[in-house]
Amino acid sequence: MDSVDIEVLRTAEAWRKSGHKAALGTIVKTWGSAPRPVGAMVAIRDDGQVAGSVSGGCVEDDLIEKIRTRAVAAEKPQLVTYGVTNEEATRWGLPCGGTLQLVMEPLSDKSGVAELLQRIGSQQLVRRKLEMDSGRATLEPGRWQDVLEFDGRVLCTVHGPRWRLVLIGGGQLTRYLAEMARMLDYHVLVIDPREEYAAGWDLAAVPLNRGMPDDVVRELQLDGHSALVALTHDPKLDDLALMEALKSAAFYVGAIGSKKNNDARRERLREFDVSDEEIARLRGPVGLYIGSKTPPEIAVAILAEMTAVRHGVSEPSWAAKPERRFDPSACEVKQT
């Protein structure tokens, strides 16, 4: 679930607590092309106000009318299908031949949304099981490999941060990258043993670990849902973290700095018995080349590349990194 859908949950629960009736819709299956993925959510208030989306708008318009007239999900969850034929797909604004099914559920105390939001807020990964017959929902700890499941009787959804991002160094760029990554549904952890950076860290939602990077990264046991980016420009910190991350199953490992600095880093990593195959996984200079110069722009470039890797998208030719590019490390204090 991405952070957009978390906002849908928050909005729906706020409506309910203010005295409105609200229905929550979750896409459980799609055929052909679909504008939103399985798991996407929409909330509809009894007066027609909408949060989130499951299509280009036509499906929402029909759902609003159904919720207003209590034709759908008046008392308990209900499965709704749109776009069975090409004619219906066109009518509902879906791509030709597209079909989607969604479960609409009326929210109540037994929906457990308040507790779900509390757990999400504490960075927990949660599996929610909704019984179609009773409308009762139960919550249990989620696992990284959990996915949405629906057998017609029970809808199981996964909520909370599905991806992990480990950042080495607590500097200015880290702040922008951490805040943007949280919007993309990453659980972010910063590692920096340096007192001067730890003392100034004030992002309450992003914990800072004071341990040595290699020890912490090893303990984290990075998996295929994890990414790590080294941002200190200090080989004593960055290289230790990269050494462990490149040997892990992390889907993305990157390091800030120029091509020259990263080439030197690759040579140092070979001295730590990191194989050529493992070193080839290092993305450095990190991020898509978009001409970024400021810390926020660099953060955008990094997250853009991470997103492309997550979705299996090859780097576009216009984003290929040139031999010479802006080097944020030009202002670093050189080690002697």
C-alpha atoms as a PDB file:
ATOM      1  CA  MET A   1       0.000   0.000   0.000  1.00  0.00           C
ATOM      2  CA  ASP A   2       1.389   3.426  -0.881  1.00  0.00           C
ATOM      3  CA  SER A   3       1.059   6.558   1.261  1.00  0.00           C
ATOM      4  CA  VAL A   4      -1.772   7.866  -0.939  1.00  0.00           C
ATOM      5  CA  ASP A   5      -3.942   4.973   0.199  1.00  0.00           C
ATOM      6  CA  ILE A   6      -2.942   5.536   3.822  1.00  0.00           C
ATOM      7  CA  GLU A   7      -4.348   9.050   3.449  1.00  0.00           C
ATOM      8  CA  VAL A   8      -7.569   7.473   2.129  1.00  0.00           C
ATOM      9  CA  LEU A   9      -7.821   5.440   5.334  1.00  0.00           C
ATOM     10  CA  ARG A  10      -7.173   8.488   7.502  1.00  0.00           C
ATOM     11  CA  THR A  11      -9.797  10.526   5.685  1.00  0.00           C
ATOM     12  CA  ALA A  12     -12.411   7.772   5.811  1.00  0.00           C
ATOM     13  CA  GLU A  13     -11.916   7.241   9.543  1.00  0.00           C
ATOM     14  CA  ALA A  14     -12.112  10.991  10.188  1.00  0.00           C
ATOM     15  CA  TRP A  15     -15.411  11.119   8.300  1.00  0.00           C
ATOM     16  CA  ARG A  16     -16.783   8.233  10.341  1.00  0.00           C
ATOM     17  CA  LYS A  17     -15.745   9.758  13.654  1.00  0.00           C
ATOM     18  CA  SER A  18     -17.401  13.044  12.688  1.00  0.00           C
ATOM     19  CA  GLY A  19     -20.739  11.267  12.302  1.00  0.00           C
ATOM     20  CA  HIS A  20     -20.805  10.525   8.570  1.00  0.00           C
ATOM     21  CA  LYS A  21     -21.274   7.120   7.041  1.00  0.00           C
ATOM     22  CA  ALA A  22     -18.391   6.109   4.813  1.00  0.00           C
ATOM     23  CA  ALA A  23     -17.603   3.205   2.523  1.00  0.00           C
ATOM     24  CA  LEU A  24     -14.118   1.993   1.672  1.00  0.00           C
ATOM     25  CA  GLY A  25     -13.405   0.437  -1.726  1.00  0.00           C
ATOM     26  CA  THR A  26     -10.370  -1.769  -2.451  1.00  0.00           C
ATOM     27  CA  ILE A  27      -9.421  -3.097  -5.886  1.00  0.00           C
ATOM     28  CA  VAL A  28      -9.076  -6.876  -5.558  1.00  0.00           C
ATOM     29  CA  LYS A  29      -8.635  -7.922  -9.187  1.00  0.00           C
ATOM     30  CA  THR A  30      -8.035  -6.426 -12.630  1.00  0.00           C
ATOM     31  CA  TRP A  31      -8.045  -7.822 -16.180  1.00  0.00           C
ATOM     32  CA  GLY A  32      -6.353  -6.152 -19.113  1.00  0.00           C
ATOM     33  CA  SER A  33      -5.213  -2.566 -18.681  1.00  0.00           C
ATOM     34  CA  ALA A  34      -6.326  -0.846 -15.487  1.00  0.00           C
ATOM     35  CA  PRO A  35      -5.717   2.732 -14.310  1.00  0.00           C
ATOM     36  CA  ARG A  36      -4.940   1.716 -10.704  1.00  0.00           C
ATOM     37  CA  PRO A  37      -3.266  -1.409  -9.318  1.00  0.00           C
ATOM     38  CA  VAL A  38      -4.695  -4.132  -7.118  1.00  0.00           C
ATOM     39  CA  GLY A  39      -4.864  -2.803  -3.551  1.00  0.00           C
ATOM     40  CA  ALA A  40      -5.659   0.794  -4.551  1.00  0.00           C
ATOM     41  CA  MET A  41      -8.349   2.385  -2.410  1.00  0.00           C
ATOM     42  CA  VAL A  42     -11.182   4.879  -2.587  1.00  0.00           C
ATOM     43  CA  ALA A  43     -13.344   6.200   0.242  1.00  0.00           C
ATOM     44  CA  ILE A  44     -16.810   7.642  -0.367  1.00  0.00           C
ATOM     45  CA  ARG A  45     -18.791   9.626   2.174  1.00  0.00           C
ATOM     46  CA  ASP A  46     -22.568   9.438   2.447  1.00  0.00           C
ATOM     47  CA  ASP A  47     -22.886  12.914   0.901  1.00  0.00           C
ATOM     48  CA  GLY A  48     -20.733  11.974  -2.108  1.00  0.00           C
ATOM     49  CA  GLN A  49     -17.341  13.345  -1.060  1.00  0.00           C
ATOM     50  CA  VAL A  50     -14.472  11.196  -2.341  1.00  0.00           C
ATOM     51  CA  ALA A  51     -10.908  10.461  -1.258  1.00  0.00           C
ATOM     52  CA  GLY A  52      -8.562   8.406  -3.400  1.00  0.00           C
ATOM     53  CA  SER A  53      -9.335   6.786  -6.752  1.00  0.00           C
ATOM     54  CA  VAL A  54      -9.753   3.446  -8.485  1.00  0.00           C
ATOM     55  CA  SER A  55     -10.193   4.717 -12.067  1.00  0.00           C
ATOM     56  CA  GLY A  56     -10.144   7.838 -14.188  1.00  0.00           C
ATOM     57  CA  GLY A  57     -13.309   9.087 -12.479  1.00  0.00           C
ATOM     58  CA  CYS A  58     -16.274   7.351 -14.123  1.00  0.00           C
ATOM     59  CA  VAL A  59     -16.232   4.404 -11.723  1.00  0.00           C
ATOM     60  CA  GLU A  60     -16.122   6.818  -8.805  1.00  0.00           C
ATOM     61  CA  ASP A  61     -19.148   8.684 -10.181  1.00  0.00           C
ATOM     62  CA  ASP A  62     -21.148   5.471 -10.311  1.00  0.00           C
ATOM     63  CA  LEU A  63     -19.996   4.414  -6.850  1.00  0.00           C
ATOM     64  CA  ILE A  64     -21.010   7.788  -5.399  1.00  0.00           C
ATOM     65  CA  GLU A  65     -24.541   7.263  -6.668  1.00  0.00           C
ATOM     66  CA  LYS A  66     -24.646   3.718  -5.337  1.00  0.00           C
ATOM     67  CA  ILE A  67     -23.400   4.777  -1.898  1.00  0.00           C
ATOM     68  CA  ARG A  68     -25.817   7.715  -1.726  1.00  0.00           C
ATOM     69  CA  THR A  69     -28.776   5.468  -2.522  1.00  0.00           C
ATOM     70  CA  ARG A  70     -27.430   2.645  -0.313  1.00  0.00           C
ATOM     71  CA  ALA A  71     -27.520   0.309  -3.314  1.00  0.00           C
ATOM     72  CA  VAL A  72     -24.059  -1.039  -2.446  1.00  0.00           C
ATOM     73  CA  ALA A  73     -22.401  -1.909   0.877  1.00  0.00           C
ATOM     74  CA  ALA A  74     -25.281  -0.620   2.954  1.00  0.00           C
ATOM     75  CA  GLU A  75     -24.896  -3.176   5.728  1.00  0.00           C
ATOM     76  CA  LYS A  76     -21.948  -5.410   4.878  1.00  0.00           C
ATOM     77  CA  PRO A  77     -19.073  -5.663   2.344  1.00  0.00           C
ATOM     78  CA  GLN A  78     -19.993  -6.317  -1.266  1.00  0.00           C
ATOM     79  CA  LEU A  79     -18.053  -7.227  -4.424  1.00  0.00           C
ATOM     80  CA  VAL A  80     -18.594  -4.862  -7.358  1.00  0.00           C
ATOM     81  CA  THR A  81     -17.386  -5.453 -10.948  1.00  0.00           C
ATOM     82  CA  TYR A  82     -16.863  -2.862 -13.703  1.00  0.00           C
ATOM     83  CA  GLY A  83     -16.033  -3.329 -17.381  1.00  0.00           C
ATOM     84  CA  VAL A  84     -16.931  -6.938 -18.130  1.00  0.00           C
ATOM     85  CA  THR A  85     -17.298  -6.145 -21.849  1.00  0.00           C
ATOM     86  CA  ASN A  86     -15.486  -3.688 -24.115  1.00  0.00           C
ATOM     87  CA  GLU A  87     -18.660  -1.585 -24.204  1.00  0.00           C
ATOM     88  CA  GLU A  88     -18.811  -1.398 -20.412  1.00  0.00           C
ATOM     89  CA  ALA A  89     -15.074  -0.759 -20.189  1.00  0.00           C
ATOM     90  CA  THR A  90     -15.504   2.252 -22.465  1.00  0.00           C
ATOM     91  CA  ARG A  91     -18.545   3.412 -20.495  1.00  0.00           C
ATOM     92  CA  TRP A  92     -16.644   3.373 -17.218  1.00  0.00           C
ATOM     93  CA  GLY A  93     -13.586   5.100 -18.637  1.00  0.00           C
ATOM     94  CA  LEU A  94     -11.410   1.994 -18.440  1.00  0.00           C
ATOM     95  CA  PRO A  95      -8.907   1.117 -21.171  1.00  0.00           C
ATOM     96  CA  CYS A  96     -10.509  -1.020 -23.882  1.00  0.00           C
ATOM     97  CA  GLY A  97     -11.102  -4.519 -22.554  1.00  0.00           C
ATOM     98  CA  GLY A  98     -10.105  -3.545 -19.008  1.00  0.00           C
ATOM     99  CA  THR A  99     -12.045  -4.910 -16.055  1.00  0.00           C
ATOM    100  CA  LEU A 100     -11.737  -4.308 -12.336  1.00  0.00           C
ATOM    101  CA  GLN A 101     -13.347  -5.776  -9.236  1.00  0.00           C
ATOM    102  CA  LEU A 102     -13.444  -4.026  -5.927  1.00  0.00           C
ATOM    103  CA  VAL A 103     -14.743  -4.796  -2.480  1.00  0.00           C
ATOM    104  CA  MET A 104     -16.870  -2.019  -1.006  1.00  0.00           C
ATOM    105  CA  GLU A 105     -17.227  -2.106   2.769  1.00  0.00           C
ATOM    106  CA  PRO A 106     -19.234   0.139   5.096  1.00  0.00           C
ATOM    107  CA  LEU A 107     -16.950   1.383   7.859  1.00  0.00           C
ATOM    108  CA  SER A 108     -17.881   0.917  11.505  1.00  0.00           C
ATOM    109  CA  ASP A 109     -16.193   0.258  14.832  1.00  0.00           C
ATOM    110  CA  LYS A 110     -15.657  -3.371  13.866  1.00  0.00           C
ATOM    111  CA  SER A 111     -13.679  -2.282  10.787  1.00  0.00           C
ATOM    112  CA  GLY A 112     -10.665  -1.610  13.022  1.00  0.00           C
ATOM    113  CA  VAL A 113      -9.407   1.304  10.909  1.00  0.00           C
ATOM    114  CA  ALA A 114      -8.457   3.430  13.946  1.00  0.00           C
ATOM    115  CA  GLU A 115      -6.204   0.690  15.325  1.00  0.00           C
ATOM    116  CA  LEU A 116      -4.840   0.013  11.841  1.00  0.00           C
ATOM    117  CA  LEU A 117      -3.814   3.649  11.459  1.00  0.00           C
ATOM    118  CA  GLN A 118      -2.199   3.601  14.890  1.00  0.00           C
ATOM    119  CA  ARG A 119      -0.084   0.606  13.947  1.00  0.00           C
ATOM    120  CA  ILE A 120       0.858   2.091  10.581  1.00  0.00           C
ATOM    121  CA  GLY A 121       1.879   5.290  12.383  1.00  0.00           C
ATOM    122  CA  SER A 122       4.316   3.292  14.514  1.00  0.00           C
ATOM    123  CA  GLN A 123       5.906   1.882  11.324  1.00  0.00           C
ATOM    124  CA  GLN A 124       4.376  -1.567  11.692  1.00  0.00           C
ATOM    125  CA  LEU A 125       3.556  -3.766   8.728  1.00  0.00           C
ATOM    126  CA  VAL A 126      -0.005  -5.008   9.256  1.00  0.00           C
ATOM    127  CA  ARG A 127      -2.156  -7.695   7.628  1.00  0.00           C
ATOM    128  CA  ARG A 128      -5.884  -6.923   7.779  1.00  0.00           C
ATOM    129  CA  LYS A 129      -8.453  -9.694   7.307  1.00  0.00           C
ATOM    130  CA  LEU A 130     -11.985  -8.584   6.380  1.00  0.00           C
ATOM    131  CA  GLU A 131     -14.842 -11.096   6.644  1.00  0.00           C
ATOM    132  CA  MET A 132     -17.329 -10.467   3.845  1.00  0.00           C
ATOM    133  CA  ASP A 133     -20.292 -11.998   5.713  1.00  0.00           C
ATOM    134  CA  SER A 134     -19.924 -10.038   8.942  1.00  0.00           C
ATOM    135  CA  GLY A 135     -17.859  -6.993   7.955  1.00  0.00           C
ATOM    136  CA  ARG A 136     -15.573  -7.660  10.914  1.00  0.00           C
ATOM    137  CA  ALA A 137     -11.868  -6.988  10.452  1.00  0.00           C
ATOM    138  CA  THR A 138      -8.957  -8.426  12.417  1.00  0.00           C
ATOM    139  CA  LEU A 139      -5.351  -7.265  12.421  1.00  0.00           C
ATOM    140  CA  GLU A 140      -2.161  -9.281  12.666  1.00  0.00           C
ATOM    141  CA  PRO A 141       1.542  -8.649  12.038  1.00  0.00           C
ATOM    142  CA  GLY A 142       2.398  -8.562   8.339  1.00  0.00           C
ATOM    143  CA  ARG A 143       5.380 -10.016   6.510  1.00  0.00           C
ATOM    144  CA  TRP A 144       7.385  -8.481   3.686  1.00  0.00           C
ATOM    145  CA  GLN A 145       6.202 -11.182   1.288  1.00  0.00           C
ATOM    146  CA  ASP A 146       2.477 -10.722   2.068  1.00  0.00           C
ATOM    147  CA  VAL A 147       0.247  -9.626  -0.810  1.00  0.00           C
ATOM    148  CA  LEU A 148      -3.457  -8.884  -1.225  1.00  0.00           C
ATOM    149  CA  GLU A 149      -5.554 -12.057  -1.248  1.00  0.00           C
ATOM    150  CA  PHE A 150      -9.285 -12.482  -1.853  1.00  0.00           C
ATOM    151  CA  ASP A 151     -11.144 -15.804  -2.029  1.00  0.00           C
ATOM    152  CA  GLY A 152     -14.686 -14.424  -2.071  1.00  0.00           C
ATOM    153  CA  ARG A 153     -15.157 -14.870   1.671  1.00  0.00           C
ATOM    154  CA  VAL A 154     -12.173 -13.093   3.227  1.00  0.00           C
ATOM    155  CA  LEU A 155     -10.182 -10.119   1.939  1.00  0.00           C
ATOM    156  CA  CYS A 156      -6.612  -9.942   3.226  1.00  0.00           C
ATOM    157  CA  THR A 157      -4.776  -6.665   2.653  1.00  0.00           C
ATOM    158  CA  VAL A 158      -1.339  -5.465   3.703  1.00  0.00           C
ATOM    159  CA  HIS A 159      -0.782  -2.016   5.165  1.00  0.00           C
ATOM    160  CA  GLY A 160       2.204  -0.024   6.323  1.00  0.00           C
ATOM    161  CA  PRO A 161       5.673   0.501   4.869  1.00  0.00           C
ATOM    162  CA  ARG A 162       6.319  -2.281   2.349  1.00  0.00           C
ATOM    163  CA  TRP A 163       9.844  -1.093   1.518  1.00  0.00           C
ATOM    164  CA  ARG A 164      12.901  -0.223   3.621  1.00  0.00           C
ATOM    165  CA  LEU A 165      15.448   2.489   2.894  1.00  0.00           C
ATOM    166  CA  VAL A 166      18.666   2.706   4.876  1.00  0.00           C
ATOM    167  CA  LEU A 167      20.578   5.986   4.614  1.00  0.00           C
ATOM    168  CA  ILE A 168      24.180   6.334   5.739  1.00  0.00           C
ATOM    169  CA  GLY A 169      24.844   9.805   7.119  1.00  0.00           C
ATOM    170  CA  GLY A 170      22.578  12.381   8.726  1.00  0.00           C
ATOM    171  CA  GLY A 171      23.356  15.425   6.585  1.00  0.00           C
ATOM    172  CA  GLN A 172      21.153  17.841   4.643  1.00  0.00           C
ATOM    173  CA  LEU A 173      20.626  15.605   1.615  1.00  0.00           C
ATOM    174  CA  THR A 174      19.562  12.768   3.924  1.00  0.00           C
ATOM    175  CA  ARG A 175      16.746  14.907   5.326  1.00  0.00           C
ATOM    176  CA  TYR A 176      15.244  15.587   1.906  1.00  0.00           C
ATOM    177  CA  LEU A 177      15.677  11.987   0.794  1.00  0.00           C
ATOM    178  CA  ALA A 178      14.154  10.614   4.008  1.00  0.00           C
ATOM    179  CA  GLU A 179      11.089  12.847   3.859  1.00  0.00           C
ATOM    180  CA  MET A 180      10.439  12.166   0.166  1.00  0.00           C
ATOM    181  CA  ALA A 181      10.966   8.418   0.619  1.00  0.00           C
ATOM    182  CA  ARG A 182       8.366   8.262   3.372  1.00  0.00           C
ATOM    183  CA  MET A 183       5.824   9.691   0.895  1.00  0.00           C
ATOM    184  CA  LEU A 184       6.644   6.711  -1.350  1.00  0.00           C
ATOM    185  CA  ASP A 185       5.903   4.213   1.427  1.00  0.00           C
ATOM    186  CA  TYR A 186       9.440   3.512   2.625  1.00  0.00           C
ATOM    187  CA  HIS A 187      10.306   2.819   6.221  1.00  0.00           C
ATOM    188  CA  VAL A 188      13.454   4.930   6.550  1.00  0.00           C
ATOM    189  CA  LEU A 189      16.364   4.368   8.930  1.00  0.00           C
ATOM    190  CA  VAL A 190      19.399   6.649   9.151  1.00  0.00           C
ATOM    191  CA  ILE A 191      22.750   5.372  10.407  1.00  0.00           C
ATOM    192  CA  ASP A 192      25.375   7.841  11.574  1.00  0.00           C
ATOM    193  CA  PRO A 193      27.735   7.327  14.531  1.00  0.00           C
ATOM    194  CA  ARG A 194      29.072  10.908  14.356  1.00  0.00           C
ATOM    195  CA  GLU A 195      28.080  13.021  17.347  1.00  0.00           C
ATOM    196  CA  GLU A 196      27.782  16.298  15.430  1.00  0.00           C
ATOM    197  CA  TYR A 197      25.189  14.848  13.050  1.00  0.00           C
ATOM    198  CA  ALA A 198      23.272  12.833  15.616  1.00  0.00           C
ATOM    199  CA  ALA A 199      22.892  15.879  17.862  1.00  0.00           C
ATOM    200  CA  GLY A 200      21.214  17.851  15.094  1.00  0.00           C
ATOM    201  CA  TRP A 201      18.870  15.114  13.836  1.00  0.00           C
ATOM    202  CA  ASP A 202      15.278  16.186  14.490  1.00  0.00           C
ATOM    203  CA  LEU A 203      13.045  14.199  12.109  1.00  0.00           C
ATOM    204  CA  ALA A 204      10.849  12.465  14.670  1.00  0.00           C
ATOM    205  CA  ALA A 205       9.391   9.990  12.159  1.00  0.00           C
ATOM    206  CA  VAL A 206      12.836   8.828  10.990  1.00  0.00           C
ATOM    207  CA  PRO A 207      15.003   7.074  13.592  1.00  0.00           C
ATOM    208  CA  LEU A 208      18.772   7.591  13.666  1.00  0.00           C
ATOM    209  CA  ASN A 209      20.984   4.697  14.725  1.00  0.00           C
ATOM    210  CA  ARG A 210      24.362   5.616  16.267  1.00  0.00           C
ATOM    211  CA  GLY A 211      26.017   2.254  15.590  1.00  0.00           C
ATOM    212  CA  MET A 212      28.769   1.553  13.102  1.00  0.00           C
ATOM    213  CA  PRO A 213      27.250   1.150   9.626  1.00  0.00           C
ATOM    214  CA  ASP A 214      28.578  -2.352   8.871  1.00  0.00           C
ATOM    215  CA  ASP A 215      27.328  -3.728  12.196  1.00  0.00           C
ATOM    216  CA  VAL A 216      23.862  -2.174  11.828  1.00  0.00           C
ATOM    217  CA  VAL A 217      23.452  -3.169   8.178  1.00  0.00           C
ATOM    218  CA  ARG A 218      24.448  -6.733   8.992  1.00  0.00           C
ATOM    219  CA  GLU A 219      21.852  -6.866  11.778  1.00  0.00           C
ATOM    220  CA  LEU A 220      19.142  -5.490   9.480  1.00  0.00           C
ATOM    221  CA  GLN A 221      19.494  -8.474   7.113  1.00  0.00           C
ATOM    222  CA  LEU A 222      18.562  -6.466   4.022  1.00  0.00           C
ATOM    223  CA  ASP A 223      16.207  -8.323   1.692  1.00  0.00           C
ATOM    224  CA  GLY A 224      14.650  -7.759  -1.723  1.00  0.00           C
ATOM    225  CA  HIS A 225      12.399  -5.039  -0.282  1.00  0.00           C
ATOM    226  CA  SER A 226      15.386  -3.039   0.976  1.00  0.00           C
ATOM    227  CA  ALA A 227      17.558  -0.274  -0.436  1.00  0.00           C
ATOM    228  CA  LEU A 228      20.662   1.444   0.917  1.00  0.00           C
ATOM    229  CA  VAL A 229      22.237   4.738  -0.096  1.00  0.00           C
ATOM    230  CA  ALA A 230      25.576   5.964   1.305  1.00  0.00           C
ATOM    231  CA  LEU A 231      25.696   9.750   1.676  1.00  0.00           C
ATOM    232  CA  THR A 232      28.543  10.745   4.026  1.00  0.00           C
ATOM    233  CA  HIS A 233      31.479  11.071   1.558  1.00  0.00           C
ATOM    234  CA  ASP A 234      33.508   9.437   4.347  1.00  0.00           C
ATOM    235  CA  PRO A 235      35.002   6.115   3.160  1.00  0.00           C
ATOM    236  CA  LYS A 236      35.273   4.915   6.758  1.00  0.00           C
ATOM    237  CA  LEU A 237      31.473   4.990   7.005  1.00  0.00           C
ATOM    238  CA  ASP A 238      30.176   4.615   3.462  1.00  0.00           C
ATOM    239  CA  ASP A 239      32.452   1.758   2.426  1.00  0.00           C
ATOM    240  CA  LEU A 240      31.638  -0.285   5.526  1.00  0.00           C
ATOM    241  CA  ALA A 241      27.919  -0.039   4.825  1.00  0.00           C
ATOM    242  CA  LEU A 242      28.316  -0.731   1.104  1.00  0.00           C
ATOM    243  CA  MET A 243      30.486  -3.746   1.783  1.00  0.00           C
ATOM    244  CA  GLU A 244      27.603  -5.400   3.657  1.00  0.00           C
ATOM    245  CA  ALA A 245      24.790  -4.097   1.452  1.00  0.00           C
ATOM    246  CA  LEU A 246      26.345  -5.342  -1.794  1.00  0.00           C
ATOM    247  CA  LYS A 247      26.535  -8.850  -0.337  1.00  0.00           C
ATOM    248  CA  SER A 248      22.862  -8.735   0.657  1.00  0.00           C
ATOM    249  CA  ALA A 249      19.654  -9.208  -1.344  1.00  0.00           C
ATOM    250  CA  ALA A 250      18.919  -5.448  -1.335  1.00  0.00           C
ATOM    251  CA  PHE A 251      17.286  -4.418  -4.612  1.00  0.00           C
ATOM    252  CA  TYR A 252      19.181  -1.107  -4.750  1.00  0.00           C
ATOM    253  CA  VAL A 253      22.576  -0.006  -3.408  1.00  0.00           C
ATOM    254  CA  GLY A 254      23.900   3.455  -4.228  1.00  0.00           C
ATOM    255  CA  ALA A 255      26.573   5.925  -3.210  1.00  0.00           C
ATOM    256  CA  ILE A 256      26.887   9.685  -3.621  1.00  0.00           C
ATOM    257  CA  GLY A 257      29.924  11.209  -5.302  1.00  0.00           C
ATOM    258  CA  SER A 258      31.448  11.715  -8.726  1.00  0.00           C
ATOM    259  CA  LYS A 259      32.341   8.965 -11.166  1.00  0.00           C
ATOM    260  CA  LYS A 260      36.007   9.385 -10.212  1.00  0.00           C
ATOM    261  CA  ASN A 261      35.237   9.021  -6.514  1.00  0.00           C
ATOM    262  CA  ASN A 262      33.031   6.013  -7.109  1.00  0.00           C
ATOM    263  CA  ASP A 263      35.656   4.334  -9.291  1.00  0.00           C
ATOM    264  CA  ALA A 264      38.098   4.751  -6.409  1.00  0.00           C
ATOM    265  CA  ARG A 265      35.443   3.372  -4.057  1.00  0.00           C
ATOM    266  CA  ARG A 266      35.057   0.275  -6.226  1.00  0.00           C
ATOM    267  CA  GLU A 267      38.795  -0.356  -6.012  1.00  0.00           C
ATOM    268  CA  ARG A 268      38.669  -0.045  -2.209  1.00  0.00           C
ATOM    269  CA  LEU A 269      35.754  -2.491  -2.034  1.00  0.00           C
ATOM    270  CA  ARG A 270      37.799  -5.082  -3.923  1.00  0.00           C
ATOM    271  CA  GLU A 271      40.313  -4.918  -1.078  1.00  0.00           C
ATOM    272  CA  PHE A 272      37.497  -5.912   1.303  1.00  0.00           C
ATOM    273  CA  ASP A 273      36.892  -9.103  -0.665  1.00  0.00           C
ATOM    274  CA  VAL A 274      33.797  -7.801  -2.433  1.00  0.00           C
ATOM    275  CA  SER A 275      33.466  -9.648  -5.736  1.00  0.00           C
ATOM    276  CA  ASP A 276      33.310  -7.972  -9.145  1.00  0.00           C
ATOM    277  CA  GLU A 277      29.736  -9.212  -9.543  1.00  0.00           C
ATOM    278  CA  GLU A 278      28.748  -7.619  -6.235  1.00  0.00           C
ATOM    279  CA  ILE A 279      30.557  -4.383  -7.043  1.00  0.00           C
ATOM    280  CA  ALA A 280      28.708  -4.215 -10.371  1.00  0.00           C
ATOM    281  CA  ARG A 281      25.493  -3.776  -8.381  1.00  0.00           C
ATOM    282  CA  LEU A 282      26.708  -0.443  -6.965  1.00  0.00           C
ATOM    283  CA  ARG A 283      24.939   2.569  -8.430  1.00  0.00           C
ATOM    284  CA  GLY A 284      27.433   5.362  -8.224  1.00  0.00           C
ATOM    285  CA  PRO A 285      27.133   8.154  -9.072  1.00  0.00           C
ATOM    286  CA  VAL A 286      23.745   7.507  -7.518  1.00  0.00           C
ATOM    287  CA  GLY A 287      20.465   8.576  -9.141  1.00  0.00           C
ATOM    288  CA  LEU A 288      19.211   9.276 -12.647  1.00  0.00           C
ATOM    289  CA  TYR A 289      21.057  12.029 -14.451  1.00  0.00           C
ATOM    290  CA  ILE A 290      18.528  14.878 -14.615  1.00  0.00           C
ATOM    291  CA  GLY A 291      20.937  17.779 -14.178  1.00  0.00           C
ATOM    292  CA  SER A 292      20.232  17.922 -10.432  1.00  0.00           C
ATOM    293  CA  LYS A 293      22.312  20.348  -8.390  1.00  0.00           C
ATOM    294  CA  THR A 294      20.487  21.132  -5.134  1.00  0.00           C
ATOM    295  CA  PRO A 295      19.907  18.573  -2.359  1.00  0.00           C
ATOM    296  CA  PRO A 296      16.152  18.311  -3.104  1.00  0.00           C
ATOM    297  CA  GLU A 297      16.875  17.757  -6.811  1.00  0.00           C
ATOM    298  CA  ILE A 298      19.460  15.104  -6.013  1.00  0.00           C
ATOM    299  CA  ALA A 299      16.935  13.395  -3.725  1.00  0.00           C
ATOM    300  CA  VAL A 300      14.423  13.350  -6.591  1.00  0.00           C
ATOM    301  CA  ALA A 301      17.026  11.817  -8.915  1.00  0.00           C
ATOM    302  CA  ILE A 302      17.862   9.076  -6.401  1.00  0.00           C
ATOM    303  CA  LEU A 303      14.235   8.181  -5.738  1.00  0.00           C
ATOM    304  CA  ALA A 304      13.486   8.213  -9.458  1.00  0.00           C
ATOM    305  CA  GLU A 305      16.221   5.640 -10.072  1.00  0.00           C
ATOM    306  CA  MET A 306      15.076   3.539  -7.101  1.00  0.00           C
ATOM    307  CA  THR A 307      11.517   3.575  -8.445  1.00  0.00           C
ATOM    308  CA  ALA A 308      12.683   2.509 -11.894  1.00  0.00           C
ATOM    309  CA  VAL A 309      14.681  -0.378 -10.427  1.00  0.00           C
ATOM    310  CA  ARG A 310      11.733  -1.463  -8.285  1.00  0.00           C
ATOM    311  CA  HIS A 311       9.499  -1.648 -11.331  1.00  0.00           C
ATOM    312  CA  GLY A 312      12.076  -3.253 -13.618  1.00  0.00           C
ATOM    313  CA  VAL A 313      12.333  -0.221 -15.904  1.00  0.00           C
ATOM    314  CA  SER A 314      15.580   0.199 -17.817  1.00  0.00           C
ATOM    315  CA  GLU A 315      17.382   3.493 -17.517  1.00  0.00           C
ATOM    316  CA  PRO A 316      16.252   5.791 -20.352  1.00  0.00           C
ATOM    317  CA  SER A 317      18.958   6.934 -22.740  1.00  0.00           C
ATOM    318  CA  TRP A 318      18.465  10.588 -21.829  1.00  0.00           C
ATOM    319  CA  ALA A 319      19.220   9.772 -18.189  1.00  0.00           C
ATOM    320  CA  ALA A 320      22.545   8.044 -18.862  1.00  0.00           C
ATOM    321  CA  LYS A 321      25.233   9.427 -16.605  1.00  0.00           C
ATOM    322  CA  PRO A 322      27.866  11.429 -18.527  1.00  0.00           C
ATOM    323  CA  GLU A 323      31.553  11.394 -17.747  1.00  0.00           C
ATOM    324  CA  ARG A 324      31.309  14.842 -16.177  1.00  0.00           C
ATOM    325  CA  ARG A 325      28.411  15.809 -13.946  1.00  0.00           C
ATOM    326  CA  PHE A 326      27.701  17.865 -10.862  1.00  0.00           C
ATOM    327  CA  ASP A 327      29.697  16.437  -7.969  1.00  0.00           C
ATOM    328  CA  PRO A 328      28.218  17.188  -4.529  1.00  0.00           C
ATOM    329  CA  SER A 329      31.442  15.912  -2.970  1.00  0.00           C
ATOM    330  CA  ALA A 330      33.331  18.887  -4.359  1.00  0.00           C
ATOM    331  CA  CYS A 331      32.533  20.727  -1.143  1.00  0.00           C
ATOM    332  CA  GLU A 332      33.482  17.882   1.173  1.00  0.00           C
ATOM    333  CA  VAL A 333      36.352  18.107   3.629  1.00  0.00           C
ATOM    334  CA  LYS A 334      39.144  16.024   2.145  1.00  0.00           C
ATOM    335  CA  GLN A 335      40.473  13.230   4.327  1.00  0.00           C
ATOM    336  CA  THR A 336      44.151  13.404   5.103  1.00  0.00           C
END
